[in-house]
Amino acid sequence: MIELAKRAVACKHWRWLPGMLALDTCLRLDEMTDLWEAELPDLTDPATLGCLLALVREAYDDERAHVRPCAGGWDFHTLDPMAPRVTAPSEAQCLVAALEAAP
């Protein structure tokens, strides 16, 4: 999960959002935080996954973009016909791959 978290923060569309849980500090970002020292998100945390989905939707400019279970893993879906086909074994991996592939 550490490597996946590193991939997420390396994306050009990545940013920390309030509610995300940090893997390395075990702290949750809130709107009152001015100094944020965490480096990696906890991609097993449901709130962090929700924030990651929000980043994906923003990157594709599609409020209906989503991932859903499929045979053997997860698929990414968006209204953009030019969006890359993204599949992955887990929800977190699919969201990170979609963020990586975002224009």
PDB file of N, CA and C in Angstrom:
ATOM      1  N   MET A   1       0.823  -1.201   0.000  1.00  0.00           N
ATOM      2  CA  MET A   1       0.000   0.000   0.000  1.00  0.00           C
ATOM      3  C   MET A   1       0.864   1.262   0.000  1.00  0.00           C
ATOM      4  N   ILE A   2       2.082   1.156   0.511  1.00  0.00           N
ATOM      5  CA  ILE A   2       2.977   2.317   0.526  1.00  0.00           C
ATOM      6  C   ILE A   2       3.328   2.743  -0.896  1.00  0.00           C
ATOM      7  N   GLU A   3       3.625   1.776  -1.754  1.00  0.00           N
ATOM      8  CA  GLU A   3       3.969   2.112  -3.139  1.00  0.00           C
ATOM      9  C   GLU A   3       2.783   2.755  -3.854  1.00  0.00           C
ATOM     10  N   LEU A   4       1.586   2.257  -3.581  1.00  0.00           N
ATOM     11  CA  LEU A   4       0.393   2.843  -4.197  1.00  0.00           C
ATOM     12  C   LEU A   4       0.185   4.272  -3.704  1.00  0.00           C
ATOM     13  N   ALA A   5       0.405   4.508  -2.420  1.00  0.00           N
ATOM     14  CA  ALA A   5       0.288   5.863  -1.861  1.00  0.00           C
ATOM     15  C   ALA A   5       1.317   6.794  -2.497  1.00  0.00           C
ATOM     16  N   LYS A   6       2.523   6.300  -2.726  1.00  0.00           N
ATOM     17  CA  LYS A   6       3.556   7.111  -3.380  1.00  0.00           C
ATOM     18  C   LYS A   6       3.148   7.460  -4.807  1.00  0.00           C
ATOM     19  N   ARG A   7       2.538   6.509  -5.502  1.00  0.00           N
ATOM     20  CA  ARG A   7       2.054   6.781  -6.863  1.00  0.00           C
ATOM     21  C   ARG A   7       0.979   7.857  -6.843  1.00  0.00           C
ATOM     22  N   ALA A   8       0.094   7.784  -5.846  1.00  0.00           N
ATOM     23  CA  ALA A   8      -0.994   8.768  -5.754  1.00  0.00           C
ATOM     24  C   ALA A   8      -0.439  10.180  -5.590  1.00  0.00           C
ATOM     25  N   VAL A   9       0.471  10.368  -4.636  1.00  0.00           N
ATOM     26  CA  VAL A   9       0.972  11.725  -4.378  1.00  0.00           C
ATOM     27  C   VAL A   9       1.862  12.230  -5.510  1.00  0.00           C
ATOM     28  N   ALA A  10       2.349  11.340  -6.365  1.00  0.00           N
ATOM     29  CA  ALA A  10       3.166  11.753  -7.510  1.00  0.00           C
ATOM     30  C   ALA A  10       2.314  12.261  -8.678  1.00  0.00           C
ATOM     31  N   CYS A  11       1.012  12.056  -8.630  1.00  0.00           N
ATOM     32  CA  CYS A  11       0.123  12.485  -9.720  1.00  0.00           C
ATOM     33  C   CYS A  11       0.025  14.007  -9.776  1.00  0.00           C
ATOM     34  N   LYS A  12      -0.066  14.535 -10.984  1.00  0.00           N
ATOM     35  CA  LYS A  12      -0.156  15.982 -11.144  1.00  0.00           C
ATOM     36  C   LYS A  12      -1.459  16.539 -10.588  1.00  0.00           C
ATOM     37  N   HIS A  13      -2.488  15.712 -10.472  1.00  0.00           N
ATOM     38  CA  HIS A  13      -3.775  16.173  -9.949  1.00  0.00           C
ATOM     39  C   HIS A  13      -3.919  15.919  -8.445  1.00  0.00           C
ATOM     40  N   TRP A  14      -2.885  15.387  -7.801  1.00  0.00           N
ATOM     41  CA  TRP A  14      -2.951  15.079  -6.373  1.00  0.00           C
ATOM     42  C   TRP A  14      -2.882  16.344  -5.522  1.00  0.00           C
ATOM     43  N   ARG A  15      -3.655  16.356  -4.459  1.00  0.00           N
ATOM     44  CA  ARG A  15      -3.497  17.320  -3.378  1.00  0.00           C
ATOM     45  C   ARG A  15      -4.211  16.744  -2.162  1.00  0.00           C
ATOM     46  N   TRP A  16      -3.758  17.169  -1.010  1.00  0.00           N
ATOM     47  CA  TRP A  16      -4.401  16.744   0.230  1.00  0.00           C
ATOM     48  C   TRP A  16      -5.727  17.468   0.373  1.00  0.00           C
ATOM     49  N   LEU A  17      -6.768  16.735   0.768  1.00  0.00           N
ATOM     50  CA  LEU A  17      -8.078  17.305   1.013  1.00  0.00           C
ATOM     51  C   LEU A  17      -8.476  17.070   2.471  1.00  0.00           C
ATOM     52  N   PRO A  18      -9.257  17.988   3.049  1.00  0.00           N
ATOM     53  CA  PRO A  18      -9.732  17.778   4.415  1.00  0.00           C
ATOM     54  C   PRO A  18     -10.465  16.439   4.526  1.00  0.00           C
ATOM     55  N   GLY A  19     -10.165  15.700   5.566  1.00  0.00           N
ATOM     56  CA  GLY A  19     -10.769  14.388   5.781  1.00  0.00           C
ATOM     57  C   GLY A  19      -9.829  13.239   5.484  1.00  0.00           C
ATOM     58  N   MET A  20      -8.784  13.500   4.702  1.00  0.00           N
ATOM     59  CA  MET A  20      -7.834  12.433   4.375  1.00  0.00           C
ATOM     60  C   MET A  20      -7.028  12.040   5.610  1.00  0.00           C
ATOM     61  N   LEU A  21      -6.755  10.742   5.708  1.00  0.00           N
ATOM     62  CA  LEU A  21      -5.951  10.195   6.791  1.00  0.00           C
ATOM     63  C   LEU A  21      -4.546   9.930   6.267  1.00  0.00           C
ATOM     64  N   ALA A  22      -3.553  10.345   7.039  1.00  0.00           N
ATOM     65  CA  ALA A  22      -2.155  10.140   6.645  1.00  0.00           C
ATOM     66  C   ALA A  22      -1.672   8.778   7.117  1.00  0.00           C
ATOM     67  N   LEU A  23      -1.039   8.056   6.229  1.00  0.00           N
ATOM     68  CA  LEU A  23      -0.481   6.746   6.547  1.00  0.00           C
ATOM     69  C   LEU A  23       0.719   6.871   7.474  1.00  0.00           C
ATOM     70  N   ASP A  24       1.533   7.878   7.253  1.00  0.00           N
ATOM     71  CA  ASP A  24       2.794   7.999   7.989  1.00  0.00           C
ATOM     72  C   ASP A  24       2.654   8.694   9.343  1.00  0.00           C
ATOM     73  N   THR A  25       1.636   9.521   9.526  1.00  0.00           N
ATOM     74  CA  THR A  25       1.481  10.204  10.817  1.00  0.00           C
ATOM     75  C   THR A  25       0.238   9.748  11.577  1.00  0.00           C
ATOM     76  N   CYS A  26      -0.657   9.025  10.915  1.00  0.00           N
ATOM     77  CA  CYS A  26      -1.936   8.570  11.488  1.00  0.00           C
ATOM     78  C   CYS A  26      -2.821   9.743  11.913  1.00  0.00           C
ATOM     79  N   LEU A  27      -2.643  10.891  11.298  1.00  0.00           N
ATOM     80  CA  LEU A  27      -3.459  12.069  11.576  1.00  0.00           C
ATOM     81  C   LEU A  27      -4.394  12.318  10.405  1.00  0.00           C
ATOM     82  N   ARG A  28      -5.541  12.927  10.696  1.00  0.00           N
ATOM     83  CA  ARG A  28      -6.514  13.264   9.662  1.00  0.00           C
ATOM     84  C   ARG A  28      -6.440  14.763   9.403  1.00  0.00           C
ATOM     85  N   LEU A  29      -6.353  15.125   8.137  1.00  0.00           N
ATOM     86  CA  LEU A  29      -6.299  16.535   7.761  1.00  0.00           C
ATOM     87  C   LEU A  29      -7.661  17.178   8.002  1.00  0.00           C
ATOM     88  N   ASP A  30      -7.644  18.328   8.669  1.00  0.00           N
ATOM     89  CA  ASP A  30      -8.882  19.087   8.821  1.00  0.00           C
ATOM     90  C   ASP A  30      -8.665  20.498   8.283  1.00  0.00           C
ATOM     91  N   GLU A  31      -9.728  21.236   8.162  1.00  0.00           N
ATOM     92  CA  GLU A  31      -9.646  22.564   7.565  1.00  0.00           C
ATOM     93  C   GLU A  31      -8.889  23.557   8.425  1.00  0.00           C
ATOM     94  N   MET A  32      -8.660  23.235   9.689  1.00  0.00           N
ATOM     95  CA  MET A  32      -7.981  24.150  10.592  1.00  0.00           C
ATOM     96  C   MET A  32      -6.456  23.967  10.573  1.00  0.00           C
ATOM     97  N   THR A  33      -5.977  22.987   9.836  1.00  0.00           N
ATOM     98  CA  THR A  33      -4.547  22.694   9.811  1.00  0.00           C
ATOM     99  C   THR A  33      -3.816  23.621   8.857  1.00  0.00           C
ATOM    100  N   ASP A  34      -2.824  24.317   9.361  1.00  0.00           N
ATOM    101  CA  ASP A  34      -1.989  25.172   8.524  1.00  0.00           C
ATOM    102  C   ASP A  34      -0.707  24.463   8.099  1.00  0.00           C
ATOM    103  N   LEU A  35      -0.148  23.686   9.001  1.00  0.00           N
ATOM    104  CA  LEU A  35       1.101  22.989   8.728  1.00  0.00           C
ATOM    105  C   LEU A  35       0.821  21.500   8.620  1.00  0.00           C
ATOM    106  N   TRP A  36       0.984  20.970   7.443  1.00  0.00           N
ATOM    107  CA  TRP A  36       0.701  19.556   7.205  1.00  0.00           C
ATOM    108  C   TRP A  36       2.002  18.878   6.835  1.00  0.00           C
ATOM    109  N   GLU A  37       2.431  17.937   7.656  1.00  0.00           N
ATOM    110  CA  GLU A  37       3.722  17.293   7.457  1.00  0.00           C
ATOM    111  C   GLU A  37       3.620  15.881   6.894  1.00  0.00           C
ATOM    112  N   ALA A  38       2.429  15.373   6.731  1.00  0.00           N
ATOM    113  CA  ALA A  38       2.272  14.010   6.229  1.00  0.00           C
ATOM    114  C   ALA A  38       2.733  13.916   4.784  1.00  0.00           C
ATOM    115  N   GLU A  39       3.215  12.755   4.436  1.00  0.00           N
ATOM    116  CA  GLU A  39       3.685  12.540   3.066  1.00  0.00           C
ATOM    117  C   GLU A  39       2.807  11.575   2.286  1.00  0.00           C
ATOM    118  N   LEU A  40       2.207  10.589   2.976  1.00  0.00           N
ATOM    119  CA  LEU A  40       1.472   9.536   2.282  1.00  0.00           C
ATOM    120  C   LEU A  40       0.057   9.385   2.819  1.00  0.00           C
ATOM    121  N   PRO A  41      -0.919   9.226   1.933  1.00  0.00           N
ATOM    122  CA  PRO A  41      -2.291   8.994   2.366  1.00  0.00           C
ATOM    123  C   PRO A  41      -2.516   7.524   2.712  1.00  0.00           C
ATOM    124  N   ASP A  42      -3.454   7.277   3.618  1.00  0.00           N
ATOM    125  CA  ASP A  42      -3.844   5.913   3.963  1.00  0.00           C
ATOM    126  C   ASP A  42      -4.976   5.516   3.025  1.00  0.00           C
ATOM    127  N   LEU A  43      -4.657   4.751   2.003  1.00  0.00           N
ATOM    128  CA  LEU A  43      -5.631   4.387   0.981  1.00  0.00           C
ATOM    129  C   LEU A  43      -6.518   3.227   1.395  1.00  0.00           C
ATOM    130  N   THR A  44      -6.417   2.794   2.655  1.00  0.00           N
ATOM    131  CA  THR A  44      -7.366   1.817   3.198  1.00  0.00           C
ATOM    132  C   THR A  44      -8.482   2.527   3.952  1.00  0.00           C
ATOM    133  N   ASP A  45      -8.346   3.823   4.160  1.00  0.00           N
ATOM    134  CA  ASP A  45      -9.323   4.617   4.901  1.00  0.00           C
ATOM    135  C   ASP A  45     -10.465   5.029   3.975  1.00  0.00           C
ATOM    136  N   PRO A  46     -11.720   4.749   4.340  1.00  0.00           N
ATOM    137  CA  PRO A  46     -12.852   5.095   3.469  1.00  0.00           C
ATOM    138  C   PRO A  46     -12.951   6.588   3.140  1.00  0.00           C
ATOM    139  N   ALA A  47     -12.679   7.450   4.114  1.00  0.00           N
ATOM    140  CA  ALA A  47     -12.757   8.894   3.847  1.00  0.00           C
ATOM    141  C   ALA A  47     -11.680   9.322   2.852  1.00  0.00           C
ATOM    142  N   THR A  48     -10.504   8.756   2.975  1.00  0.00           N
ATOM    143  CA  THR A  48      -9.420   9.079   2.052  1.00  0.00           C
ATOM    144  C   THR A  48      -9.761   8.597   0.646  1.00  0.00           C
ATOM    145  N   LEU A  49     -10.365   7.410   0.535  1.00  0.00           N
ATOM    146  CA  LEU A  49     -10.790   6.919  -0.782  1.00  0.00           C
ATOM    147  C   LEU A  49     -11.849   7.833  -1.387  1.00  0.00           C
ATOM    148  N   GLY A  50     -12.758   8.336  -0.561  1.00  0.00           N
ATOM    149  CA  GLY A  50     -13.760   9.275  -1.053  1.00  0.00           C
ATOM    150  C   GLY A  50     -13.136  10.552  -1.567  1.00  0.00           C
ATOM    151  N   CYS A  51     -12.125  11.031  -0.866  1.00  0.00           N
ATOM    152  CA  CYS A  51     -11.413  12.235  -1.319  1.00  0.00           C
ATOM    153  C   CYS A  51     -10.655  11.949  -2.612  1.00  0.00           C
ATOM    154  N   LEU A  52     -10.077  10.767  -2.714  1.00  0.00           N
ATOM    155  CA  LEU A  52      -9.376  10.382  -3.938  1.00  0.00           C
ATOM    156  C   LEU A  52     -10.360  10.344  -5.109  1.00  0.00           C
ATOM    157  N   LEU A  53     -11.544   9.823  -4.875  1.00  0.00           N
ATOM    158  CA  LEU A  53     -12.582   9.842  -5.916  1.00  0.00           C
ATOM    159  C   LEU A  53     -12.918  11.277  -6.313  1.00  0.00           C
ATOM    160  N   ALA A  54     -13.005  12.176  -5.351  1.00  0.00           N
ATOM    161  CA  ALA A  54     -13.271  13.586  -5.656  1.00  0.00           C
ATOM    162  C   ALA A  54     -12.173  14.169  -6.533  1.00  0.00           C
ATOM    163  N   LEU A  55     -10.918  13.812  -6.270  1.00  0.00           N
ATOM    164  CA  LEU A  55      -9.808  14.291  -7.102  1.00  0.00           C
ATOM    165  C   LEU A  55      -9.908  13.744  -8.526  1.00  0.00           C
ATOM    166  N   VAL A  56     -10.301  12.468  -8.643  1.00  0.00           N
ATOM    167  CA  VAL A  56     -10.472  11.862  -9.967  1.00  0.00           C
ATOM    168  C   VAL A  56     -11.586  12.578 -10.728  1.00  0.00           C
ATOM    169  N   ARG A  57     -12.693  12.829 -10.068  1.00  0.00           N
ATOM    170  CA  ARG A  57     -13.813  13.519 -10.723  1.00  0.00           C
ATOM    171  C   ARG A  57     -13.406  14.919 -11.172  1.00  0.00           C
ATOM    172  N   GLU A  58     -12.650  15.590 -10.344  1.00  0.00           N
ATOM    173  CA  GLU A  58     -12.164  16.929 -10.702  1.00  0.00           C
ATOM    174  C   GLU A  58     -11.213  16.860 -11.895  1.00  0.00           C
ATOM    175  N   ALA A  59     -10.318  15.884 -11.891  1.00  0.00           N
ATOM    176  CA  ALA A  59      -9.331  15.749 -12.968  1.00  0.00           C
ATOM    177  C   ALA A  59      -9.993  15.477 -14.317  1.00  0.00           C
ATOM    178  N   TYR A  60     -11.096  14.724 -14.306  1.00  0.00           N
ATOM    179  CA  TYR A  60     -11.805  14.405 -15.543  1.00  0.00           C
ATOM    180  C   TYR A  60     -12.964  15.370 -15.811  1.00  0.00           C
ATOM    181  N   ASP A  61     -13.176  16.331 -14.903  1.00  0.00           N
ATOM    182  CA  ASP A  61     -14.283  17.276 -15.016  1.00  0.00           C
ATOM    183  C   ASP A  61     -15.594  16.530 -15.241  1.00  0.00           C
ATOM    184  N   ASP A  62     -15.814  15.516 -14.408  1.00  0.00           N
ATOM    185  CA  ASP A  62     -17.000  14.664 -14.537  1.00  0.00           C
ATOM    186  C   ASP A  62     -17.460  14.255 -13.138  1.00  0.00           C
ATOM    187  N   GLU A  63     -18.532  14.886 -12.670  1.00  0.00           N
ATOM    188  CA  GLU A  63     -19.014  14.597 -11.321  1.00  0.00           C
ATOM    189  C   GLU A  63     -19.623  13.208 -11.194  1.00  0.00           C
ATOM    190  N   ARG A  64     -19.808  12.530 -12.316  1.00  0.00           N
ATOM    191  CA  ARG A  64     -20.363  11.175 -12.283  1.00  0.00           C
ATOM    192  C   ARG A  64     -19.307  10.097 -12.480  1.00  0.00           C
ATOM    193  N   ALA A  65     -18.058  10.474 -12.637  1.00  0.00           N
ATOM    194  CA  ALA A  65     -16.993   9.480 -12.780  1.00  0.00           C
ATOM    195  C   ALA A  65     -16.977   8.593 -11.540  1.00  0.00           C
ATOM    196  N   HIS A  66     -16.721   7.311 -11.738  1.00  0.00           N
ATOM    197  CA  HIS A  66     -16.746   6.377 -10.618  1.00  0.00           C
ATOM    198  C   HIS A  66     -15.981   5.105 -10.965  1.00  0.00           C
ATOM    199  N   VAL A  67     -15.732   4.318  -9.951  1.00  0.00           N
ATOM    200  CA  VAL A  67     -15.204   2.973 -10.146  1.00  0.00           C
ATOM    201  C   VAL A  67     -16.253   2.002  -9.629  1.00  0.00           C
ATOM    202  N   ARG A  68     -16.273   0.815 -10.242  1.00  0.00           N
ATOM    203  CA  ARG A  68     -17.230  -0.191  -9.774  1.00  0.00           C
ATOM    204  C   ARG A  68     -16.615  -1.577  -9.921  1.00  0.00           C
ATOM    205  N   PRO A  69     -17.086  -2.483  -9.074  1.00  0.00           N
ATOM    206  CA  PRO A  69     -16.546  -3.840  -9.136  1.00  0.00           C
ATOM    207  C   PRO A  69     -16.893  -4.509 -10.470  1.00  0.00           C
ATOM    208  N   CYS A  70     -15.981  -5.319 -10.935  1.00  0.00           N
ATOM    209  CA  CYS A  70     -16.208  -6.117 -12.133  1.00  0.00           C
ATOM    210  C   CYS A  70     -15.581  -7.486 -11.878  1.00  0.00           C
ATOM    211  N   ALA A  71     -15.727  -8.369 -12.798  1.00  0.00           N
ATOM    212  CA  ALA A  71     -15.134  -9.697 -12.641  1.00  0.00           C
ATOM    213  C   ALA A  71     -13.621  -9.565 -12.481  1.00  0.00           C
ATOM    214  N   GLY A  72     -13.126  -9.946 -11.334  1.00  0.00           N
ATOM    215  CA  GLY A  72     -11.688  -9.928 -11.111  1.00  0.00           C
ATOM    216  C   GLY A  72     -11.101  -8.603 -10.669  1.00  0.00           C
ATOM    217  N   GLY A  73     -11.916  -7.592 -10.400  1.00  0.00           N
ATOM    218  CA  GLY A  73     -11.324  -6.331  -9.969  1.00  0.00           C
ATOM    219  C   GLY A  73     -12.295  -5.177 -10.008  1.00  0.00           C
ATOM    220  N   TRP A  74     -11.771  -4.021 -10.432  1.00  0.00           N
ATOM    221  CA  TRP A  74     -12.540  -2.771 -10.475  1.00  0.00           C
ATOM    222  C   TRP A  74     -12.304  -2.077 -11.814  1.00  0.00           C
ATOM    223  N   ASP A  75     -13.344  -1.403 -12.330  1.00  0.00           N
ATOM    224  CA  ASP A  75     -13.280  -0.631 -13.574  1.00  0.00           C
ATOM    225  C   ASP A  75     -13.574   0.828 -13.287  1.00  0.00           C
ATOM    226  N   PHE A  76     -12.928   1.707 -14.043  1.00  0.00           N
ATOM    227  CA  PHE A  76     -13.180   3.142 -13.969  1.00  0.00           C
ATOM    228  C   PHE A  76     -14.121   3.527 -15.098  1.00  0.00           C
ATOM    229  N   HIS A  77     -15.116   4.367 -14.782  1.00  0.00           N
ATOM    230  CA  HIS A  77     -16.087   4.818 -15.781  1.00  0.00           C
ATOM    231  C   HIS A  77     -16.231   6.334 -15.719  1.00  0.00           C
ATOM    232  N   THR A  78     -16.271   6.957 -16.887  1.00  0.00           N
ATOM    233  CA  THR A  78     -16.482   8.393 -16.993  1.00  0.00           C
ATOM    234  C   THR A  78     -17.261   8.673 -18.271  1.00  0.00           C
ATOM    235  N   LEU A  79     -17.850   9.850 -18.356  1.00  0.00           N
ATOM    236  CA  LEU A  79     -18.586  10.230 -19.557  1.00  0.00           C
ATOM    237  C   LEU A  79     -17.664  10.592 -20.707  1.00  0.00           C
ATOM    238  N   ASP A  80     -16.405  10.849 -20.428  1.00  0.00           N
ATOM    239  CA  ASP A  80     -15.431  11.246 -21.446  1.00  0.00           C
ATOM    240  C   ASP A  80     -15.101  10.051 -22.343  1.00  0.00           C
ATOM    241  N   PRO A  81     -15.512  10.082 -23.614  1.00  0.00           N
ATOM    242  CA  PRO A  81     -15.237   8.950 -24.508  1.00  0.00           C
ATOM    243  C   PRO A  81     -13.744   8.783 -24.808  1.00  0.00           C
ATOM    244  N   MET A  82     -12.959   9.813 -24.556  1.00  0.00           N
ATOM    245  CA  MET A  82     -11.517   9.724 -24.810  1.00  0.00           C
ATOM    246  C   MET A  82     -10.738   9.258 -23.574  1.00  0.00           C
ATOM    247  N   ALA A  83     -11.408   9.073 -22.465  1.00  0.00           N
ATOM    248  CA  ALA A  83     -10.730   8.653 -21.233  1.00  0.00           C
ATOM    249  C   ALA A  83     -10.161   7.249 -21.414  1.00  0.00           C
ATOM    250  N   PRO A  84      -9.013   6.996 -20.830  1.00  0.00           N
ATOM    251  CA  PRO A  84      -8.413   5.674 -20.955  1.00  0.00           C
ATOM    252  C   PRO A  84      -9.221   4.629 -20.201  1.00  0.00           C
ATOM    253  N   ARG A  85      -9.154   3.407 -20.677  1.00  0.00           N
ATOM    254  CA  ARG A  85      -9.792   2.300 -19.958  1.00  0.00           C
ATOM    255  C   ARG A  85      -8.872   1.928 -18.806  1.00  0.00           C
ATOM    256  N   VAL A  86      -9.412   1.953 -17.600  1.00  0.00           N
ATOM    257  CA  VAL A  86      -8.624   1.656 -16.408  1.00  0.00           C
ATOM    258  C   VAL A  86      -9.302   0.529 -15.647  1.00  0.00           C
ATOM    259  N   THR A  87      -8.556  -0.523 -15.381  1.00  0.00           N
ATOM    260  CA  THR A  87      -9.011  -1.609 -14.524  1.00  0.00           C
ATOM    261  C   THR A  87      -7.881  -1.939 -13.561  1.00  0.00           C
ATOM    262  N   ALA A  88      -8.256  -2.436 -12.391  1.00  0.00           N
ATOM    263  CA  ALA A  88      -7.256  -2.774 -11.381  1.00  0.00           C
ATOM    264  C   ALA A  88      -7.856  -3.766 -10.394  1.00  0.00           C
ATOM    265  N   PRO A  89      -7.003  -4.448  -9.647  1.00  0.00           N
ATOM    266  CA  PRO A  89      -7.495  -5.451  -8.704  1.00  0.00           C
ATOM    267  C   PRO A  89      -8.280  -4.891  -7.513  1.00  0.00           C
ATOM    268  N   SER A  90      -8.007  -3.640  -7.112  1.00  0.00           N
ATOM    269  CA  SER A  90      -8.699  -3.076  -5.948  1.00  0.00           C
ATOM    270  C   SER A  90      -9.259  -1.698  -6.288  1.00  0.00           C
ATOM    271  N   GLU A  91     -10.182  -1.238  -5.451  1.00  0.00           N
ATOM    272  CA  GLU A  91     -10.770   0.085  -5.640  1.00  0.00           C
ATOM    273  C   GLU A  91      -9.698   1.176  -5.570  1.00  0.00           C
ATOM    274  N   ALA A  92      -8.838   1.093  -4.569  1.00  0.00           N
ATOM    275  CA  ALA A  92      -7.777   2.098  -4.419  1.00  0.00           C
ATOM    276  C   ALA A  92      -6.841   2.093  -5.620  1.00  0.00           C
ATOM    277  N   GLN A  93      -6.449   0.921  -6.084  1.00  0.00           N
ATOM    278  CA  GLN A  93      -5.556   0.835  -7.242  1.00  0.00           C
ATOM    279  C   GLN A  93      -6.219   1.409  -8.485  1.00  0.00           C
ATOM    280  N   CYS A  94      -7.509   1.184  -8.643  1.00  0.00           N
ATOM    281  CA  CYS A  94      -8.226   1.698  -9.805  1.00  0.00           C
ATOM    282  C   CYS A  94      -8.315   3.224  -9.753  1.00  0.00           C
ATOM    283  N   LEU A  95      -8.603   3.778  -8.578  1.00  0.00           N
ATOM    284  CA  LEU A  95      -8.671   5.230  -8.454  1.00  0.00           C
ATOM    285  C   LEU A  95      -7.310   5.883  -8.700  1.00  0.00           C
ATOM    286  N   VAL A  96      -6.247   5.287  -8.175  1.00  0.00           N
ATOM    287  CA  VAL A  96      -4.912   5.847  -8.396  1.00  0.00           C
ATOM    288  C   VAL A  96      -4.558   5.755  -9.884  1.00  0.00           C
ATOM    289  N   ALA A  97      -4.841   4.625 -10.515  1.00  0.00           N
ATOM    290  CA  ALA A  97      -4.541   4.486 -11.942  1.00  0.00           C
ATOM    291  C   ALA A  97      -5.337   5.487 -12.766  1.00  0.00           C
ATOM    292  N   ALA A  98      -6.583   5.732 -12.405  1.00  0.00           N
ATOM    293  CA  ALA A  98      -7.392   6.727 -13.116  1.00  0.00           C
ATOM    294  C   ALA A  98      -6.814   8.132 -12.923  1.00  0.00           C
ATOM    295  N   LEU A  99      -6.359   8.429 -11.723  1.00  0.00           N
ATOM    296  CA  LEU A  99      -5.749   9.744 -11.473  1.00  0.00           C
ATOM    297  C   LEU A  99      -4.442   9.885 -12.257  1.00  0.00           C
ATOM    298  N   GLU A 100      -3.663   8.823 -12.325  1.00  0.00           N
ATOM    299  CA  GLU A 100      -2.423   8.849 -13.102  1.00  0.00           C
ATOM    300  C   GLU A 100      -2.685   9.095 -14.577  1.00  0.00           C
ATOM    301  N   ALA A 101      -3.771   8.516 -15.087  1.00  0.00           N
ATOM    302  CA  ALA A 101      -4.087   8.598 -16.522  1.00  0.00           C
ATOM    303  C   ALA A 101      -4.852   9.849 -16.906  1.00  0.00           C
ATOM    304  N   ALA A 102      -5.248  10.653 -15.914  1.00  0.00           N
ATOM    305  CA  ALA A 102      -6.050  11.851 -16.187  1.00  0.00           C
ATOM    306  C   ALA A 102      -5.284  12.848 -17.039  1.00  0.00           C
ATOM    307  N   PRO A 103      -6.015  13.521 -17.934  1.00  0.00           N
ATOM    308  CA  PRO A 103      -5.353  14.500 -18.812  1.00  0.00           C
ATOM    309  C   PRO A 103      -4.822  15.698 -18.050  1.00  0.00           C
TER     310      PRO A 103
END
